[in-house]
Protein backbone atom coordinates (compact mmCIF):
# COMPACT_ATOMS: atom_id res chain seq x y z
CA MET A 1 99.59 63.69 111.86
CA PRO A 2 102.63 66.12 112.47
CA GLN A 3 103.21 67.36 115.69
CA PHE A 4 104.02 70.86 116.09
CA LYS A 5 105.47 72.93 119.10
CA THR A 6 104.60 76.57 120.00
CA GLU A 7 107.76 78.45 120.81
CA PHE A 8 107.60 81.58 122.53
CA GLY A 9 110.49 84.19 121.39
CA SER A 10 112.26 86.70 123.84
CA LEU A 11 114.83 89.33 123.50
CA LYS A 12 117.32 87.04 124.60
CA GLN A 13 116.39 83.82 122.76
CA PHE A 14 114.84 84.21 119.47
CA THR A 15 114.71 82.17 116.13
CA LYS A 16 115.29 84.57 112.95
CA GLY A 17 112.48 82.70 111.20
CA HIS A 18 111.84 82.03 107.49
CA ILE A 19 109.16 82.13 105.08
CA GLU A 20 108.34 79.68 102.21
CA ILE A 21 107.33 81.64 99.03
CA ILE A 22 105.18 79.08 96.48
CA ASN A 23 104.76 80.05 92.97
CA ASP A 24 105.55 83.62 93.45
CA GLN A 25 108.42 86.00 93.62
CA PRO A 26 110.39 86.90 97.47
CA MET A 27 110.57 90.60 96.13
CA HIS A 28 106.62 90.73 97.04
CA TYR A 29 107.11 90.02 100.76
CA ALA A 30 108.30 91.71 103.26
CA PHE A 31 109.49 89.43 106.62
CA SER A 32 111.31 90.62 109.95
CA ASN A 33 111.31 89.36 113.62
CA VAL A 34 110.23 91.95 116.28
CA PHE A 35 112.92 90.55 118.64
CA ASP A 36 115.61 90.78 116.19
CA VAL A 37 114.50 94.39 115.20
CA ALA A 38 114.49 95.16 119.27
CA SER A 39 117.62 93.73 119.77
CA LYS A 40 119.37 96.06 117.41
CA SER A 41 117.04 99.17 118.44
CA ALA A 42 117.90 102.15 120.43
CA PRO A 43 115.33 102.19 123.64
CA TYR A 44 111.78 103.58 122.34
CA GLU A 45 113.11 103.88 118.78
CA LYS A 46 110.02 102.95 116.78
CA VAL A 47 110.98 101.04 114.21
CA ALA A 48 108.15 99.95 111.36
CA VAL A 49 107.79 95.95 111.01
CA ALA A 50 104.32 96.37 109.15
CA ILE A 51 102.55 98.61 107.30
CA ASN A 52 98.85 98.67 105.98
CA LEU A 53 97.95 101.95 104.21
CA GLU A 54 98.78 104.68 106.76
CA TYR A 55 98.73 102.14 109.45
CA VAL A 56 102.23 100.90 110.95
CA ILE A 57 103.12 98.35 113.69
CA GLU A 58 106.17 99.30 115.16
CA ALA A 59 108.71 97.14 117.06
CA ILE A 60 110.08 98.90 120.15
CA ARG A 61 112.71 98.19 122.73
CA ALA A 62 111.30 99.06 126.16
CA GLU A 63 114.28 100.40 128.25
CA GLY A 64 114.26 102.69 131.40
CA ALA A 65 111.77 105.62 130.80
CA SER A 66 110.39 107.11 127.68
CA ALA A 67 109.83 110.62 127.07
CA TRP A 68 106.37 111.64 127.62
CA MET A 69 104.37 110.88 124.01
CA GLY A 70 100.85 111.06 122.61
CA ALA A 71 99.23 111.12 119.35
CA ALA A 72 95.74 113.00 117.93
CA HIS A 73 94.36 109.65 117.02
CA ASP A 74 93.91 106.30 119.37
CA GLU A 75 97.16 104.14 119.57
CA PHE A 76 97.56 100.88 121.24
CA CYS A 77 100.85 98.71 122.29
CA ILE A 78 101.23 94.79 123.08
CA VAL A 79 104.08 93.74 125.46
CA MET A 80 105.92 90.87 123.23
CA ASP A 81 108.54 90.24 126.12
CA GLY A 82 109.18 91.73 129.51
CA GLN A 83 107.22 94.23 131.73
CA VAL A 84 106.18 97.54 130.98
CA GLU A 85 104.55 100.22 132.83
CA VAL A 86 102.40 102.79 130.99
CA GLU A 87 101.47 106.01 132.95
CA PHE A 88 98.55 108.12 131.54
CA ILE A 89 98.09 112.29 131.89
CA LYS A 90 94.81 113.70 130.43
CA LEU A 91 95.86 116.51 128.66
CA GLU A 92 94.90 120.02 129.78
CA GLN A 93 96.11 121.06 125.96
CA PRO A 94 95.43 118.21 123.59
CA ASP A 95 97.01 120.25 120.99
CA LEU A 96 100.15 119.39 121.92
CA VAL A 97 100.06 116.28 120.25
CA GLY A 98 99.00 117.95 117.28
CA SER A 99 95.83 118.52 115.08
CA PRO A 100 93.21 115.48 114.40
CA GLU A 101 95.02 115.90 110.60
CA GLN A 102 98.46 114.53 112.22
CA ALA A 103 99.43 111.29 111.95
CA GLY A 104 101.65 109.21 114.44
CA THR A 105 103.20 109.66 117.78
CA VAL A 106 104.36 113.15 118.97
CA ALA A 107 107.31 113.21 121.56
CA LEU A 108 106.77 116.01 124.37
CA HIS A 109 109.24 117.88 125.50
CA ASP A 110 108.43 118.07 128.94
CA GLU A 111 106.04 116.61 131.57
CA PRO A 112 102.77 117.52 130.08
CA ALA A 113 100.14 119.84 132.58
CA GLY A 114 96.84 117.49 133.17
CA LYS A 115 95.26 115.55 135.58
CA ARG A 116 97.04 111.71 136.08
CA MET A 117 95.12 108.99 134.98
CA GLY A 118 96.90 106.42 136.66
CA LYS A 119 99.43 103.39 135.31
CA ILE A 120 98.83 99.85 133.77
CA VAL A 121 101.71 97.18 134.11
CA LEU A 122 101.85 95.25 131.06
CA GLN A 123 103.55 91.48 130.80
CA ARG A 124 104.02 89.36 127.47
CA GLY A 125 101.06 89.33 125.79
CA HIS A 126 99.02 92.22 127.65
CA GLN A 127 97.88 95.41 125.63
CA ALA A 128 96.84 98.84 126.15
CA LEU A 129 94.89 101.43 124.53
CA LEU A 130 96.76 104.76 124.02
CA PRO A 131 93.86 107.09 123.83
CA LYS A 132 93.96 110.43 122.04
CA GLY A 133 93.75 113.36 124.35
CA ALA A 134 96.35 111.53 126.48
CA ALA A 135 100.13 111.66 127.17
CA TYR A 136 101.67 108.35 128.03
CA ARG A 137 105.16 107.21 129.30
CA PHE A 138 106.99 104.00 129.19
CA LYS A 139 108.99 102.51 131.78
CA ALA A 140 110.64 99.00 132.01
CA GLU A 141 113.17 97.80 134.52
CA ALA A 142 114.68 95.31 132.45
CA PRO A 143 114.74 95.57 128.43
CA SER A 144 111.34 94.45 126.78
CA VAL A 145 109.66 94.40 123.61
CA MET A 146 106.94 95.77 122.63
CA ILE A 147 104.76 96.49 119.09
CA GLN A 148 102.88 99.50 118.93
CA GLN A 149 100.12 100.26 116.51
CA THR A 150 99.83 103.78 115.21
CA MET A 151 99.69 105.69 112.06
CA ALA A 152 103.47 106.52 110.13
CA GLY A 153 104.58 109.83 111.70
CA ALA A 154 107.86 111.70 112.27
CA LEU A 155 109.14 109.23 114.81
CA THR A 156 108.29 106.12 112.54
CA VAL A 157 111.76 105.02 111.60
CA GLN A 158 111.59 102.78 108.55
CA LYS A 159 114.84 100.71 108.01
CA TRP A 160 113.13 98.11 105.26
CA ALA A 161 116.36 97.16 103.88
CA GLU A 162 118.16 96.51 107.21
CA ILE A 163 115.42 94.68 108.91
CA CYS A 164 113.41 92.37 105.83
CA TYR A 165 114.26 88.68 105.37
CA ARG A 166 116.04 87.99 102.04
């Protein structure tokens, strides 16, 4: 029986990876590595690495503090490497993040008015709900990697030609 070894990637050390196509065309598949994408991204740039209808998974390099953000729908994030703190504010004016029909993350220009809800400290494998009606801000002391599930929106960056396995 073959032996398999699980290897965890990180921002500092990852293997690009590969896929094996059996009886099909490679053009039917997209494959990218979230650590590779994050290593080439600006802090808090939201690069789509997977898409399913209107939903996207975005690779995010967390470094320093992000702007305040929110969405008119629930989102969630998972820390893949490092440690990220998430602060929350219950918005006095939830319409700051758009109407219920508006998709995707919205950047807020200033600290929003509302009641502080607390913070969560996430490490590898931890996830957090980013609820609608709340603003959130990420902080990372050292470069870290997250993925965020949301809906494609104005802040979603699509670099398929640059990031996909060929």
